[in-house]
Amino acid sequence: MAYLSIDMNCVLPEIAAAEHFWERMPSGAVTVLDDYGWNLHEQQKAAFDAFAAKRGVSVLSLPTGQGLIFKP
């Protein structure tokens, strides 16, 4: 099992990191997005929703404001 934690507070490097590591992560790995669900980070939410949809998955929004993406 592996996980990737992304917390850069800036959408472009966060998406770049996710794209860089996605193919390197094994099936079952989890990506933790720190600022996914907060109103101040709407750009991150939109970008990661698009990132996930492109890969046929979705982001699980947590009450902590974080998001989780599970790699199939």
C-alpha atoms as a PDB file:
ATOM      1  CA  MET A   1       0.000   0.000   0.000  1.00  0.00           C
ATOM      2  CA  ALA A   2       1.149   3.529  -0.739  1.00  0.00           C
ATOM      3  CA  TYR A   3      -0.174   7.027  -0.270  1.00  0.00           C
ATOM      4  CA  LEU A   4       0.580  10.474  -1.603  1.00  0.00           C
ATOM      5  CA  SER A   5      -0.175  13.564   0.467  1.00  0.00           C
ATOM      6  CA  ILE A   6      -0.552  16.840  -1.447  1.00  0.00           C
ATOM      7  CA  ASP A   7      -0.567  20.151   0.460  1.00  0.00           C
ATOM      8  CA  MET A   8       1.106  22.941  -1.513  1.00  0.00           C
ATOM      9  CA  ASN A   9      -1.745  25.463  -1.367  1.00  0.00           C
ATOM     10  CA  CYS A  10      -1.318  26.183  -5.073  1.00  0.00           C
ATOM     11  CA  VAL A  11      -3.280  24.396  -7.792  1.00  0.00           C
ATOM     12  CA  LEU A  12      -0.668  24.153 -10.583  1.00  0.00           C
ATOM     13  CA  PRO A  13       2.093  22.369  -8.637  1.00  0.00           C
ATOM     14  CA  GLU A  14      -0.476  20.196  -6.865  1.00  0.00           C
ATOM     15  CA  ILE A  15      -1.882  18.919 -10.165  1.00  0.00           C
ATOM     16  CA  ALA A  16       1.644  18.533 -11.568  1.00  0.00           C
ATOM     17  CA  ALA A  17       2.587  16.383  -8.557  1.00  0.00           C
ATOM     18  CA  ALA A  18      -0.553  14.261  -8.890  1.00  0.00           C
ATOM     19  CA  GLU A  19       0.094  13.720 -12.606  1.00  0.00           C
ATOM     20  CA  HIS A  20       3.753  12.871 -11.964  1.00  0.00           C
ATOM     21  CA  PHE A  21       3.054  10.279  -9.279  1.00  0.00           C
ATOM     22  CA  TRP A  22      -0.245   8.749 -10.475  1.00  0.00           C
ATOM     23  CA  GLU A  23       1.286   6.181 -12.838  1.00  0.00           C
ATOM     24  CA  ARG A  24       3.975   5.341 -10.289  1.00  0.00           C
ATOM     25  CA  MET A  25       1.443   4.520  -7.572  1.00  0.00           C
ATOM     26  CA  PRO A  26       0.212   0.930  -7.220  1.00  0.00           C
ATOM     27  CA  SER A  27      -3.409  -0.121  -7.359  1.00  0.00           C
ATOM     28  CA  GLY A  28      -5.058   0.588  -4.007  1.00  0.00           C
ATOM     29  CA  ALA A  29      -2.890   3.629  -3.281  1.00  0.00           C
ATOM     30  CA  VAL A  30      -4.537   6.713  -1.798  1.00  0.00           C
ATOM     31  CA  THR A  31      -3.912  10.366  -2.619  1.00  0.00           C
ATOM     32  CA  VAL A  32      -4.739  12.748   0.238  1.00  0.00           C
ATOM     33  CA  LEU A  33      -5.661  16.281  -0.799  1.00  0.00           C
ATOM     34  CA  ASP A  34      -5.359  18.686   2.114  1.00  0.00           C
ATOM     35  CA  ASP A  35      -7.348  21.700   0.866  1.00  0.00           C
ATOM     36  CA  TYR A  36      -9.934  20.013  -1.338  1.00  0.00           C
ATOM     37  CA  GLY A  37     -13.169  20.925   0.417  1.00  0.00           C
ATOM     38  CA  TRP A  38     -12.660  24.472   1.664  1.00  0.00           C
ATOM     39  CA  ASN A  39     -14.295  27.470  -0.034  1.00  0.00           C
ATOM     40  CA  LEU A  40     -10.952  29.276  -0.262  1.00  0.00           C
ATOM     41  CA  HIS A  41      -9.594  26.452  -2.427  1.00  0.00           C
ATOM     42  CA  GLU A  42     -12.269  26.165  -5.120  1.00  0.00           C
ATOM     43  CA  GLN A  43      -9.582  26.025  -7.841  1.00  0.00           C
ATOM     44  CA  GLN A  44      -8.015  22.933  -6.244  1.00  0.00           C
ATOM     45  CA  LYS A  45     -11.409  21.245  -6.000  1.00  0.00           C
ATOM     46  CA  ALA A  46     -12.262  21.927  -9.645  1.00  0.00           C
ATOM     47  CA  ALA A  47      -8.820  20.834 -10.839  1.00  0.00           C
ATOM     48  CA  PHE A  48      -8.819  17.611  -8.820  1.00  0.00           C
ATOM     49  CA  ASP A  49     -12.387  16.796  -9.828  1.00  0.00           C
ATOM     50  CA  ALA A  50     -11.222  17.056 -13.467  1.00  0.00           C
ATOM     51  CA  PHE A  51      -8.038  15.071 -12.694  1.00  0.00           C
ATOM     52  CA  ALA A  52     -10.085  12.274 -11.127  1.00  0.00           C
ATOM     53  CA  ALA A  53     -12.762  12.237 -13.842  1.00  0.00           C
ATOM     54  CA  LYS A  54     -10.069  11.910 -16.517  1.00  0.00           C
ATOM     55  CA  ARG A  55      -8.944   8.724 -14.753  1.00  0.00           C
ATOM     56  CA  GLY A  56     -12.415   7.309 -14.201  1.00  0.00           C
ATOM     57  CA  VAL A  57     -12.443   7.853 -10.439  1.00  0.00           C
ATOM     58  CA  SER A  58     -13.885  10.457  -8.085  1.00  0.00           C
ATOM     59  CA  VAL A  59     -12.708  12.397  -5.068  1.00  0.00           C
ATOM     60  CA  LEU A  60     -14.146  11.465  -1.684  1.00  0.00           C
ATOM     61  CA  SER A  61     -14.788  14.706   0.207  1.00  0.00           C
ATOM     62  CA  LEU A  62     -14.194  14.461   3.953  1.00  0.00           C
ATOM     63  CA  PRO A  63     -15.714  16.713   6.655  1.00  0.00           C
ATOM     64  CA  THR A  64     -12.161  17.817   7.508  1.00  0.00           C
ATOM     65  CA  GLY A  65     -11.910  19.629   4.157  1.00  0.00           C
ATOM     66  CA  GLN A  66      -9.611  16.965   2.794  1.00  0.00           C
ATOM     67  CA  GLY A  67     -10.238  14.821  -0.253  1.00  0.00           C
ATOM     68  CA  LEU A  68      -9.226  11.243  -0.995  1.00  0.00           C
ATOM     69  CA  ILE A  69      -8.584   9.641  -4.365  1.00  0.00           C
ATOM     70  CA  PHE A  70      -8.250   5.858  -4.443  1.00  0.00           C
ATOM     71  CA  LYS A  71      -6.344   4.402  -7.384  1.00  0.00           C
ATOM     72  CA  PRO A  72      -8.127   1.363  -8.789  1.00  0.00           C
END
